[in-house]
PDB file of N, CA and C in Angstrom:
ATOM      1  N   UNK A   1       0.838  -1.187   0.000  1.00  0.00           N
ATOM      2  CA  UNK A   1       0.000   0.000   0.000  1.00  0.00           C
ATOM      3  C   UNK A   1       0.877   1.243   0.000  1.00  0.00           C
ATOM      4  N   UNK A   2       0.322   2.273  -0.588  1.00  0.00           N
ATOM      5  CA  UNK A   2       1.017   3.559  -0.599  1.00  0.00           C
ATOM      6  C   UNK A   2       0.013   4.647  -0.233  1.00  0.00           C
ATOM      7  N   UNK A   3       0.493   5.630   0.497  1.00  0.00           N
ATOM      8  CA  UNK A   3      -0.336   6.789   0.824  1.00  0.00           C
ATOM      9  C   UNK A   3      -0.219   7.780  -0.328  1.00  0.00           C
ATOM     10  N   UNK A   4      -1.357   8.096  -0.918  1.00  0.00           N
ATOM     11  CA  UNK A   4      -1.422   9.055  -2.024  1.00  0.00           C
ATOM     12  C   UNK A   4      -2.228  10.252  -1.532  1.00  0.00           C
ATOM     13  N   UNK A   5      -1.755  11.456  -1.803  1.00  0.00           N
ATOM     14  CA  UNK A   5      -2.487  12.660  -1.422  1.00  0.00           C
ATOM     15  C   UNK A   5      -3.092  13.276  -2.674  1.00  0.00           C
ATOM     16  N   UNK A   6      -4.403  13.411  -2.650  1.00  0.00           N
ATOM     17  CA  UNK A   6      -5.157  14.042  -3.730  1.00  0.00           C
ATOM     18  C   UNK A   6      -5.630  15.396  -3.206  1.00  0.00           C
ATOM     19  N   UNK A   7      -5.336  16.457  -3.943  1.00  0.00           N
ATOM     20  CA  UNK A   7      -5.839  17.783  -3.608  1.00  0.00           C
ATOM     21  C   UNK A   7      -6.916  18.165  -4.611  1.00  0.00           C
ATOM     22  N   UNK A   8      -8.104  18.461  -4.097  1.00  0.00           N
ATOM     23  CA  UNK A   8      -9.165  18.975  -4.966  1.00  0.00           C
ATOM     24  C   UNK A   8      -8.781  20.385  -5.404  1.00  0.00           C
ATOM     25  N   UNK A   9      -9.467  20.872  -6.424  1.00  0.00           N
ATOM     26  CA  UNK A   9      -9.161  22.204  -6.959  1.00  0.00           C
ATOM     27  C   UNK A   9      -9.291  23.290  -5.883  1.00  0.00           C
ATOM     28  N   UNK A  10     -10.205  23.101  -4.936  1.00  0.00           N
ATOM     29  CA  UNK A  10     -10.411  24.112  -3.886  1.00  0.00           C
ATOM     30  C   UNK A  10      -9.415  23.974  -2.731  1.00  0.00           C
ATOM     31  N   UNK A  11      -8.475  23.018  -2.841  1.00  0.00           N
ATOM     32  CA  UNK A  11      -7.462  22.834  -1.816  1.00  0.00           C
ATOM     33  C   UNK A  11      -7.774  21.746  -0.804  1.00  0.00           C
ATOM     34  N   UNK A  12      -8.971  21.167  -0.861  1.00  0.00           N
ATOM     35  CA  UNK A  12      -9.320  20.083   0.056  1.00  0.00           C
ATOM     36  C   UNK A  12      -8.361  18.923  -0.148  1.00  0.00           C
ATOM     37  N   UNK A  13      -7.792  18.446   0.942  1.00  0.00           N
ATOM     38  CA  UNK A  13      -6.785  17.392   0.892  1.00  0.00           C
ATOM     39  C   UNK A  13      -7.387  16.056   1.302  1.00  0.00           C
ATOM     40  N   UNK A  14      -7.050  15.004   0.547  1.00  0.00           N
ATOM     41  CA  UNK A  14      -7.472  13.644   0.863  1.00  0.00           C
ATOM     42  C   UNK A  14      -6.227  12.758   0.858  1.00  0.00           C
ATOM     43  N   UNK A  15      -5.895  12.204   2.023  1.00  0.00           N
ATOM     44  CA  UNK A  15      -4.804  11.240   2.121  1.00  0.00           C
ATOM     45  C   UNK A  15      -5.441   9.857   2.083  1.00  0.00           C
ATOM     46  N   UNK A  16      -5.075   9.068   1.078  1.00  0.00           N
ATOM     47  CA  UNK A  16      -5.734   7.798   0.816  1.00  0.00           C
ATOM     48  C   UNK A  16      -4.692   6.687   0.733  1.00  0.00           C
ATOM     49  N   UNK A  17      -4.978   5.561   1.339  1.00  0.00           N
ATOM     50  CA  UNK A  17      -4.137   4.372   1.195  1.00  0.00           C
ATOM     51  C   UNK A  17      -4.634   3.611  -0.035  1.00  0.00           C
ATOM     52  N   UNK A  18      -3.752   3.379  -0.985  1.00  0.00           N
ATOM     53  CA  UNK A  18      -4.109   2.685  -2.215  1.00  0.00           C
ATOM     54  C   UNK A  18      -3.257   1.419  -2.315  1.00  0.00           C
ATOM     55  N   UNK A  19      -3.911   0.310  -2.568  1.00  0.00           N
ATOM     56  CA  UNK A  19      -3.215  -0.975  -2.628  1.00  0.00           C
ATOM     57  C   UNK A  19      -2.302  -1.057  -3.842  1.00  0.00           C
ATOM     58  N   UNK A  20      -1.177  -1.734  -3.664  1.00  0.00           N
ATOM     59  CA  UNK A  20      -0.268  -1.982  -4.781  1.00  0.00           C
ATOM     60  C   UNK A  20      -1.026  -2.684  -5.907  1.00  0.00           C
ATOM     61  N   UNK A  21      -0.734  -2.277  -7.126  1.00  0.00           N
ATOM     62  CA  UNK A  21      -1.356  -2.877  -8.295  1.00  0.00           C
ATOM     63  C   UNK A  21      -2.605  -2.157  -8.767  1.00  0.00           C
ATOM     64  N   UNK A  22      -3.222  -1.373  -7.896  1.00  0.00           N
ATOM     65  CA  UNK A  22      -4.374  -0.568  -8.313  1.00  0.00           C
ATOM     66  C   UNK A  22      -3.846   0.686  -9.007  1.00  0.00           C
ATOM     67  N   UNK A  23      -4.722   1.338  -9.753  1.00  0.00           N
ATOM     68  CA  UNK A  23      -4.338   2.606 -10.358  1.00  0.00           C
ATOM     69  C   UNK A  23      -4.730   3.752  -9.431  1.00  0.00           C
ATOM     70  N   UNK A  24      -4.143   4.919  -9.682  1.00  0.00           N
ATOM     71  CA  UNK A  24      -4.547   6.107  -8.924  1.00  0.00           C
ATOM     72  C   UNK A  24      -6.022   6.395  -9.110  1.00  0.00           C
ATOM     73  N   UNK A  25      -6.550   6.129 -10.297  1.00  0.00           N
ATOM     74  CA  UNK A  25      -7.971   6.339 -10.563  1.00  0.00           C
ATOM     75  C   UNK A  25      -8.821   5.420  -9.705  1.00  0.00           C
ATOM     76  N   UNK A  26      -8.445   4.147  -9.608  1.00  0.00           N
ATOM     77  CA  UNK A  26      -9.200   3.204  -8.786  1.00  0.00           C
ATOM     78  C   UNK A  26      -9.154   3.593  -7.314  1.00  0.00           C
ATOM     79  N   UNK A  27      -8.008   4.078  -6.861  1.00  0.00           N
ATOM     80  CA  UNK A  27      -7.889   4.535  -5.485  1.00  0.00           C
ATOM     81  C   UNK A  27      -8.826   5.694  -5.194  1.00  0.00           C
ATOM     82  N   UNK A  28      -8.905   6.654  -6.097  1.00  0.00           N
ATOM     83  CA  UNK A  28      -9.810   7.793  -5.926  1.00  0.00           C
ATOM     84  C   UNK A  28     -11.267   7.328  -5.970  1.00  0.00           C
ATOM     85  N   UNK A  29     -11.587   6.484  -6.925  1.00  0.00           N
ATOM     86  CA  UNK A  29     -12.960   5.980  -7.070  1.00  0.00           C
ATOM     87  C   UNK A  29     -13.395   5.195  -5.835  1.00  0.00           C
ATOM     88  N   UNK A  30     -12.542   4.304  -5.358  1.00  0.00           N
ATOM     89  CA  UNK A  30     -12.887   3.449  -4.229  1.00  0.00           C
ATOM     90  C   UNK A  30     -13.016   4.221  -2.919  1.00  0.00           C
ATOM     91  N   UNK A  31     -12.468   5.427  -2.875  1.00  0.00           N
ATOM     92  CA  UNK A  31     -12.595   6.269  -1.683  1.00  0.00           C
ATOM     93  C   UNK A  31     -13.573   7.427  -1.917  1.00  0.00           C
ATOM     94  N   UNK A  32     -14.351   7.322  -2.993  1.00  0.00           N
ATOM     95  CA  UNK A  32     -15.416   8.291  -3.295  1.00  0.00           C
ATOM     96  C   UNK A  32     -14.929   9.737  -3.355  1.00  0.00           C
ATOM     97  N   UNK A  33     -13.753   9.943  -3.945  1.00  0.00           N
ATOM     98  CA  UNK A  33     -13.245  11.302  -4.087  1.00  0.00           C
ATOM     99  C   UNK A  33     -13.930  11.980  -5.253  1.00  0.00           C
ATOM    100  N   UNK A  34     -14.395  13.195  -5.021  1.00  0.00           N
ATOM    101  CA  UNK A  34     -15.002  13.937  -6.122  1.00  0.00           C
ATOM    102  C   UNK A  34     -13.902  14.565  -6.961  1.00  0.00           C
ATOM    103  N   UNK A  35     -14.179  14.727  -8.245  1.00  0.00           N
ATOM    104  CA  UNK A  35     -13.222  15.377  -9.133  1.00  0.00           C
ATOM    105  C   UNK A  35     -12.536  14.446 -10.102  1.00  0.00           C
ATOM    106  N   UNK A  36     -12.632  13.142  -9.864  1.00  0.00           N
ATOM    107  CA  UNK A  36     -12.138  12.159 -10.830  1.00  0.00           C
ATOM    108  C   UNK A  36     -13.342  11.338 -11.257  1.00  0.00           C
ATOM    109  N   UNK A  37     -13.801  11.589 -12.482  1.00  0.00           N
ATOM    110  CA  UNK A  37     -15.023  10.962 -12.961  1.00  0.00           C
ATOM    111  C   UNK A  37     -14.792   9.575 -13.536  1.00  0.00           C
ATOM    112  N   UNK A  38     -13.698   9.387 -14.250  1.00  0.00           N
ATOM    113  CA  UNK A  38     -13.338   8.079 -14.815  1.00  0.00           C
ATOM    114  C   UNK A  38     -14.459   7.482 -15.655  1.00  0.00           C
ATOM    115  N   UNK A  39     -14.961   8.252 -16.593  1.00  0.00           N
ATOM    116  CA  UNK A  39     -16.080   7.823 -17.432  1.00  0.00           C
ATOM    117  C   UNK A  39     -15.819   6.535 -18.193  1.00  0.00           C
ATOM    118  N   UNK A  40     -14.594   6.298 -18.616  1.00  0.00           N
ATOM    119  CA  UNK A  40     -14.303   5.099 -19.411  1.00  0.00           C
ATOM    120  C   UNK A  40     -13.915   3.905 -18.546  1.00  0.00           C
ATOM    121  N   UNK A  41     -13.892   4.091 -17.231  1.00  0.00           N
ATOM    122  CA  UNK A  41     -13.591   2.993 -16.333  1.00  0.00           C
ATOM    123  C   UNK A  41     -12.131   2.577 -16.304  1.00  0.00           C
ATOM    124  N   UNK A  42     -11.264   3.392 -16.852  1.00  0.00           N
ATOM    125  CA  UNK A  42      -9.842   3.085 -16.804  1.00  0.00           C
ATOM    126  C   UNK A  42      -9.268   2.533 -18.092  1.00  0.00           C
ATOM    127  N   UNK A  43     -10.002   2.672 -19.186  1.00  0.00           N
ATOM    128  CA  UNK A  43      -9.567   2.128 -20.471  1.00  0.00           C
ATOM    129  C   UNK A  43      -8.699   3.094 -21.277  1.00  0.00           C
ATOM    130  N   UNK A  44      -8.365   4.237 -20.713  1.00  0.00           N
ATOM    131  CA  UNK A  44      -7.592   5.271 -21.407  1.00  0.00           C
ATOM    132  C   UNK A  44      -8.299   5.704 -22.696  1.00  0.00           C
ATOM    133  N   UNK A  45      -9.624   5.861 -22.571  1.00  0.00           N
ATOM    134  CA  UNK A  45     -10.434   6.260 -23.719  1.00  0.00           C
ATOM    135  C   UNK A  45     -11.119   7.602 -23.485  1.00  0.00           C
ATOM    136  N   UNK A  46     -10.737   8.306 -22.421  1.00  0.00           N
ATOM    137  CA  UNK A  46     -11.264   9.637 -22.145  1.00  0.00           C
ATOM    138  C   UNK A  46     -10.207  10.384 -21.339  1.00  0.00           C
ATOM    139  N   UNK A  47     -10.540  11.552 -20.860  1.00  0.00           N
ATOM    140  CA  UNK A  47      -9.578  12.303 -20.044  1.00  0.00           C
ATOM    141  C   UNK A  47     -10.189  12.715 -18.715  1.00  0.00           C
ATOM    142  N   UNK A  48     -11.221  12.016 -18.261  1.00  0.00           N
ATOM    143  CA  UNK A  48     -11.947  12.437 -17.058  1.00  0.00           C
ATOM    144  C   UNK A  48     -11.316  11.963 -15.750  1.00  0.00           C
ATOM    145  N   UNK A  49     -10.096  11.458 -15.826  1.00  0.00           N
ATOM    146  CA  UNK A  49      -9.344  11.132 -14.606  1.00  0.00           C
ATOM    147  C   UNK A  49      -8.030  11.907 -14.580  1.00  0.00           C
ATOM    148  N   UNK A  50      -8.021  13.019 -15.266  1.00  0.00           N
ATOM    149  CA  UNK A  50      -6.847  13.881 -15.399  1.00  0.00           C
ATOM    150  C   UNK A  50      -6.470  14.516 -14.060  1.00  0.00           C
ATOM    151  N   UNK A  51      -5.173  14.548 -13.774  1.00  0.00           N
ATOM    152  CA  UNK A  51      -4.633  15.265 -12.616  1.00  0.00           C
ATOM    153  C   UNK A  51      -3.329  15.944 -13.015  1.00  0.00           C
ATOM    154  N   UNK A  52      -2.891  16.844 -12.142  1.00  0.00           N
ATOM    155  CA  UNK A  52      -1.572  17.448 -12.255  1.00  0.00           C
ATOM    156  C   UNK A  52      -0.700  16.821 -11.169  1.00  0.00           C
ATOM    157  N   UNK A  53       0.358  16.165 -11.567  1.00  0.00           N
ATOM    158  CA  UNK A  53       1.277  15.539 -10.619  1.00  0.00           C
ATOM    159  C   UNK A  53       2.141  16.630  -9.999  1.00  0.00           C
ATOM    160  N   UNK A  54       2.324  16.542  -8.696  1.00  0.00           N
ATOM    161  CA  UNK A  54       3.205  17.490  -8.010  1.00  0.00           C
ATOM    162  C   UNK A  54       4.570  17.481  -8.694  1.00  0.00           C
ATOM    163  N   UNK A  55       5.140  18.657  -8.878  1.00  0.00           N
ATOM    164  CA  UNK A  55       6.391  18.793  -9.628  1.00  0.00           C
ATOM    165  C   UNK A  55       7.513  17.897  -9.102  1.00  0.00           C
ATOM    166  N   UNK A  56       7.557  17.665  -7.804  1.00  0.00           N
ATOM    167  CA  UNK A  56       8.618  16.830  -7.226  1.00  0.00           C
ATOM    168  C   UNK A  56       8.496  15.362  -7.644  1.00  0.00           C
ATOM    169  N   UNK A  57       7.338  14.977  -8.168  1.00  0.00           N
ATOM    170  CA  UNK A  57       7.097  13.575  -8.519  1.00  0.00           C
ATOM    171  C   UNK A  57       7.141  13.292 -10.018  1.00  0.00           C
ATOM    172  N   UNK A  58       7.168  14.302 -10.833  1.00  0.00           N
ATOM    173  CA  UNK A  58       7.066  14.113 -12.285  1.00  0.00           C
ATOM    174  C   UNK A  58       8.087  13.110 -12.812  1.00  0.00           C
ATOM    175  N   UNK A  59       9.335  13.243 -12.417  1.00  0.00           N
ATOM    176  CA  UNK A  59      10.390  12.372 -12.939  1.00  0.00           C
ATOM    177  C   UNK A  59      10.454  11.011 -12.260  1.00  0.00           C
ATOM    178  N   UNK A  60       9.652  10.809 -11.229  1.00  0.00           N
ATOM    179  CA  UNK A  60       9.649   9.542 -10.509  1.00  0.00           C
ATOM    180  C   UNK A  60       8.590   8.569 -11.035  1.00  0.00           C
ATOM    181  N   UNK A  61       7.726   9.048 -11.920  1.00  0.00           N
ATOM    182  CA  UNK A  61       6.660   8.214 -12.472  1.00  0.00           C
ATOM    183  C   UNK A  61       7.091   7.605 -13.801  1.00  0.00           C
ATOM    184  N   UNK A  62       6.500   6.472 -14.157  1.00  0.00           N
ATOM    185  CA  UNK A  62       6.777   5.918 -15.493  1.00  0.00           C
ATOM    186  C   UNK A  62       6.371   6.925 -16.571  1.00  0.00           C
ATOM    187  N   UNK A  63       7.050   6.891 -17.679  1.00  0.00           N
ATOM    188  CA  UNK A  63       6.755   7.813 -18.782  1.00  0.00           C
ATOM    189  C   UNK A  63       5.354   7.573 -19.342  1.00  0.00           C
ATOM    190  N   UNK A  64       4.778   8.631 -19.894  1.00  0.00           N
ATOM    191  CA  UNK A  64       3.479   8.517 -20.570  1.00  0.00           C
ATOM    192  C   UNK A  64       3.677   7.739 -21.863  1.00  0.00           C
ATOM    193  N   UNK A  65       2.712   6.885 -22.192  1.00  0.00           N
ATOM    194  CA  UNK A  65       2.775   6.238 -23.506  1.00  0.00           C
ATOM    195  C   UNK A  65       1.993   7.086 -24.507  1.00  0.00           C
ATOM    196  N   UNK A  66       2.024   6.705 -25.756  1.00  0.00           N
ATOM    197  CA  UNK A  66       1.409   7.494 -26.829  1.00  0.00           C
ATOM    198  C   UNK A  66      -0.100   7.651 -26.637  1.00  0.00           C
ATOM    199  N   UNK A  67      -0.769   6.606 -26.168  1.00  0.00           N
ATOM    200  CA  UNK A  67      -2.222   6.685 -25.989  1.00  0.00           C
ATOM    201  C   UNK A  67      -2.576   7.697 -24.899  1.00  0.00           C
ATOM    202  N   UNK A  68      -1.835   7.684 -23.797  1.00  0.00           N
ATOM    203  CA  UNK A  68      -2.094   8.660 -22.735  1.00  0.00           C
ATOM    204  C   UNK A  68      -1.831  10.076 -23.236  1.00  0.00           C
ATOM    205  N   UNK A  69      -0.746  10.266 -23.964  1.00  0.00           N
ATOM    206  CA  UNK A  69      -0.450  11.583 -24.543  1.00  0.00           C
ATOM    207  C   UNK A  69      -1.612  12.067 -25.409  1.00  0.00           C
ATOM    208  N   UNK A  70      -2.145  11.170 -26.250  1.00  0.00           N
ATOM    209  CA  UNK A  70      -3.265  11.536 -27.121  1.00  0.00           C
ATOM    210  C   UNK A  70      -4.498  11.930 -26.317  1.00  0.00           C
ATOM    211  N   UNK A  71      -4.833  11.166 -25.288  1.00  0.00           N
ATOM    212  CA  UNK A  71      -6.023  11.453 -24.479  1.00  0.00           C
ATOM    213  C   UNK A  71      -5.867  12.746 -23.693  1.00  0.00           C
ATOM    214  N   UNK A  72      -4.657  13.072 -23.286  1.00  0.00           N
ATOM    215  CA  UNK A  72      -4.435  14.312 -22.535  1.00  0.00           C
ATOM    216  C   UNK A  72      -4.734  15.550 -23.376  1.00  0.00           C
ATOM    217  N   UNK A  73      -4.726  15.408 -24.702  1.00  0.00           N
ATOM    218  CA  UNK A  73      -5.106  16.533 -25.563  1.00  0.00           C
ATOM    219  C   UNK A  73      -6.543  16.968 -25.319  1.00  0.00           C
ATOM    220  N   UNK A  74      -7.362  16.070 -24.758  1.00  0.00           N
ATOM    221  CA  UNK A  74      -8.773  16.359 -24.510  1.00  0.00           C
ATOM    222  C   UNK A  74      -9.040  16.798 -23.071  1.00  0.00           C
ATOM    223  N   UNK A  75      -8.016  16.853 -22.244  1.00  0.00           N
ATOM    224  CA  UNK A  75      -8.175  17.197 -20.828  1.00  0.00           C
ATOM    225  C   UNK A  75      -8.392  18.702 -20.658  1.00  0.00           C
ATOM    226  N   UNK A  76      -8.947  19.059 -19.503  1.00  0.00           N
ATOM    227  CA  UNK A  76      -9.139  20.463 -19.132  1.00  0.00           C
ATOM    228  C   UNK A  76      -7.777  21.074 -18.812  1.00  0.00           C
ATOM    229  N   UNK A  77      -7.361  22.050 -19.584  1.00  0.00           N
ATOM    230  CA  UNK A  77      -6.120  22.795 -19.391  1.00  0.00           C
ATOM    231  C   UNK A  77      -4.928  21.883 -19.073  1.00  0.00           C
ATOM    232  N   UNK A  78      -4.573  21.018 -20.014  1.00  0.00           N
ATOM    233  CA  UNK A  78      -3.449  20.113 -19.747  1.00  0.00           C
ATOM    234  C   UNK A  78      -2.120  20.856 -19.642  1.00  0.00           C
ATOM    235  N   UNK A  79      -1.287  20.366 -18.767  1.00  0.00           N
ATOM    236  CA  UNK A  79       0.065  20.879 -18.609  1.00  0.00           C
ATOM    237  C   UNK A  79       0.987  19.870 -19.288  1.00  0.00           C
ATOM    238  N   UNK A  80       1.839  20.283 -20.209  1.00  0.00           N
ATOM    239  CA  UNK A  80       2.657  19.323 -20.954  1.00  0.00           C
ATOM    240  C   UNK A  80       3.586  18.478 -20.082  1.00  0.00           C
ATOM    241  N   UNK A  81       3.910  18.950 -18.910  1.00  0.00           N
ATOM    242  CA  UNK A  81       4.831  18.216 -18.040  1.00  0.00           C
ATOM    243  C   UNK A  81       4.094  17.510 -16.901  1.00  0.00           C
ATOM    244  N   UNK A  82       3.177  18.178 -16.229  1.00  0.00           N
ATOM    245  CA  UNK A  82       2.570  17.654 -15.003  1.00  0.00           C
ATOM    246  C   UNK A  82       1.280  16.874 -15.210  1.00  0.00           C
ATOM    247  N   UNK A  83       0.615  17.015 -16.350  1.00  0.00           N
ATOM    248  CA  UNK A  83      -0.663  16.329 -16.557  1.00  0.00           C
ATOM    249  C   UNK A  83      -0.474  14.839 -16.765  1.00  0.00           C
ATOM    250  N   UNK A  84      -1.315  14.067 -16.073  1.00  0.00           N
ATOM    251  CA  UNK A  84      -1.335  12.609 -16.230  1.00  0.00           C
ATOM    252  C   UNK A  84      -2.771  12.122 -16.109  1.00  0.00           C
ATOM    253  N   UNK A  85      -3.020  10.947 -16.661  1.00  0.00           N
ATOM    254  CA  UNK A  85      -4.294  10.268 -16.465  1.00  0.00           C
ATOM    255  C   UNK A  85      -4.092   9.252 -15.354  1.00  0.00           C
ATOM    256  N   UNK A  86      -4.921   9.340 -14.318  1.00  0.00           N
ATOM    257  CA  UNK A  86      -4.732   8.473 -13.160  1.00  0.00           C
ATOM    258  C   UNK A  86      -5.001   7.007 -13.476  1.00  0.00           C
ATOM    259  N   UNK A  87      -5.710   6.729 -14.542  1.00  0.00           N
ATOM    260  CA  UNK A  87      -5.954   5.329 -14.920  1.00  0.00           C
ATOM    261  C   UNK A  87      -4.696   4.660 -15.460  1.00  0.00           C
ATOM    262  N   UNK A  88      -3.676   5.442 -15.757  1.00  0.00           N
ATOM    263  CA  UNK A  88      -2.455   4.904 -16.358  1.00  0.00           C
ATOM    264  C   UNK A  88      -1.291   4.800 -15.369  1.00  0.00           C
ATOM    265  N   UNK A  89      -1.542   5.112 -14.116  1.00  0.00           N
ATOM    266  CA  UNK A  89      -0.470   5.059 -13.124  1.00  0.00           C
ATOM    267  C   UNK A  89      -0.806   3.985 -12.097  1.00  0.00           C
ATOM    268  N   UNK A  90      -0.056   2.898 -12.136  1.00  0.00           N
ATOM    269  CA  UNK A  90      -0.226   1.797 -11.173  1.00  0.00           C
ATOM    270  C   UNK A  90       0.540   2.124  -9.894  1.00  0.00           C
ATOM    271  N   UNK A  91      -0.109   1.853  -8.787  1.00  0.00           N
ATOM    272  CA  UNK A  91       0.484   2.124  -7.486  1.00  0.00           C
ATOM    273  C   UNK A  91       1.475   1.019  -7.108  1.00  0.00           C
ATOM    274  N   UNK A  92       2.625   1.453  -6.615  1.00  0.00           N
ATOM    275  CA  UNK A  92       3.648   0.576  -6.040  1.00  0.00           C
ATOM    276  C   UNK A  92       4.115   1.238  -4.750  1.00  0.00           C
ATOM    277  N   UNK A  93       4.863   0.521  -3.954  1.00  0.00           N
ATOM    278  CA  UNK A  93       5.365   1.095  -2.699  1.00  0.00           C
ATOM    279  C   UNK A  93       6.262   2.304  -2.959  1.00  0.00           C
ATOM    280  N   UNK A  94       6.861   2.371  -4.147  1.00  0.00           N
ATOM    281  CA  UNK A  94       7.716   3.515  -4.499  1.00  0.00           C
ATOM    282  C   UNK A  94       6.929   4.808  -4.635  1.00  0.00           C
ATOM    283  N   UNK A  95       5.606   4.711  -4.744  1.00  0.00           N
ATOM    284  CA  UNK A  95       4.778   5.915  -4.877  1.00  0.00           C
ATOM    285  C   UNK A  95       4.288   6.443  -3.526  1.00  0.00           C
ATOM    286  N   UNK A  96       4.776   5.871  -2.436  1.00  0.00           N
ATOM    287  CA  UNK A  96       4.416   6.353  -1.097  1.00  0.00           C
ATOM    288  C   UNK A  96       4.665   7.855  -1.016  1.00  0.00           C
ATOM    289  N   UNK A  97       3.600   8.605  -0.675  1.00  0.00           N
ATOM    290  CA  UNK A  97       3.712  10.052  -0.537  1.00  0.00           C
ATOM    291  C   UNK A  97       3.426  10.846  -1.794  1.00  0.00           C
ATOM    292  N   UNK A  98       3.069  10.169  -2.889  1.00  0.00           N
ATOM    293  CA  UNK A  98       2.760  10.871  -4.142  1.00  0.00           C
ATOM    294  C   UNK A  98       1.665  11.907  -3.909  1.00  0.00           C
ATOM    295  N   UNK A  99       1.816  13.054  -4.540  1.00  0.00           N
ATOM    296  CA  UNK A  99       0.845  14.146  -4.446  1.00  0.00           C
ATOM    297  C   UNK A  99       0.336  14.474  -5.841  1.00  0.00           C
ATOM    298  N   UNK A 100      -0.997  14.519  -5.979  1.00  0.00           N
ATOM    299  CA  UNK A 100      -1.605  14.926  -7.239  1.00  0.00           C
ATOM    300  C   UNK A 100      -2.649  16.000  -6.955  1.00  0.00           C
ATOM    301  N   UNK A 101      -2.845  16.872  -7.922  1.00  0.00           N
ATOM    302  CA  UNK A 101      -3.788  17.974  -7.829  1.00  0.00           C
ATOM    303  C   UNK A 101      -4.843  17.809  -8.918  1.00  0.00           C
ATOM    304  N   UNK A 102      -6.105  17.871  -8.518  1.00  0.00           N
ATOM    305  CA  UNK A 102      -7.193  17.731  -9.473  1.00  0.00           C
ATOM    306  C   UNK A 102      -7.460  19.053 -10.174  1.00  0.00           C
ATOM    307  N   UNK A 103      -7.805  18.994 -11.454  1.00  0.00           N
ATOM    308  CA  UNK A 103      -8.103  20.235 -12.179  1.00  0.00           C
ATOM    309  C   UNK A 103      -9.429  20.822 -11.733  1.00  0.00           C
ATOM    310  N   UNK A 104      -9.690  22.031 -12.174  1.00  0.00           N
ATOM    311  CA  UNK A 104     -10.934  22.713 -11.843  1.00  0.00           C
ATOM    312  C   UNK A 104     -12.152  21.901 -12.280  1.00  0.00           C
ATOM    313  N   UNK A 105     -12.020  21.219 -13.402  1.00  0.00           N
ATOM    314  CA  UNK A 105     -13.105  20.362 -13.896  1.00  0.00           C
ATOM    315  C   UNK A 105     -12.532  19.316 -14.831  1.00  0.00           C
ATOM    316  N   UNK A 106     -13.339  18.322 -15.129  1.00  0.00           N
ATOM    317  CA  UNK A 106     -12.982  17.278 -16.097  1.00  0.00           C
ATOM    318  C   UNK A 106     -13.860  17.461 -17.327  1.00  0.00           C
ATOM    319  N   UNK A 107     -13.319  17.137 -18.490  1.00  0.00           N
ATOM    320  CA  UNK A 107     -14.131  17.209 -19.710  1.00  0.00           C
ATOM    321  C   UNK A 107     -13.963  15.945 -20.509  1.00  0.00           C
TER     322      UNK A 107
END
């Protein structure tokens, strides 16, 4: 398990324990966090699980693949460096303390 901190757009903080092997999207969904809609259920077919990864963590995550890059084009105000889809990030113990920020809205 890893502790992941999700910040809503208004600054509300949620510290969540997410099991290894789950995605960040599943962790948010299973803890009923608002702001991650996950319309496609984690198939990387939408951008409704978009977050901004805290700058200190950007280089510690696996690289985005081409499909994630394409889907991020549809996200609300994507940042070329910090934007990620939470359905594409699998939790491992190395992600203990990861911080992500939710956008103002999902589209």
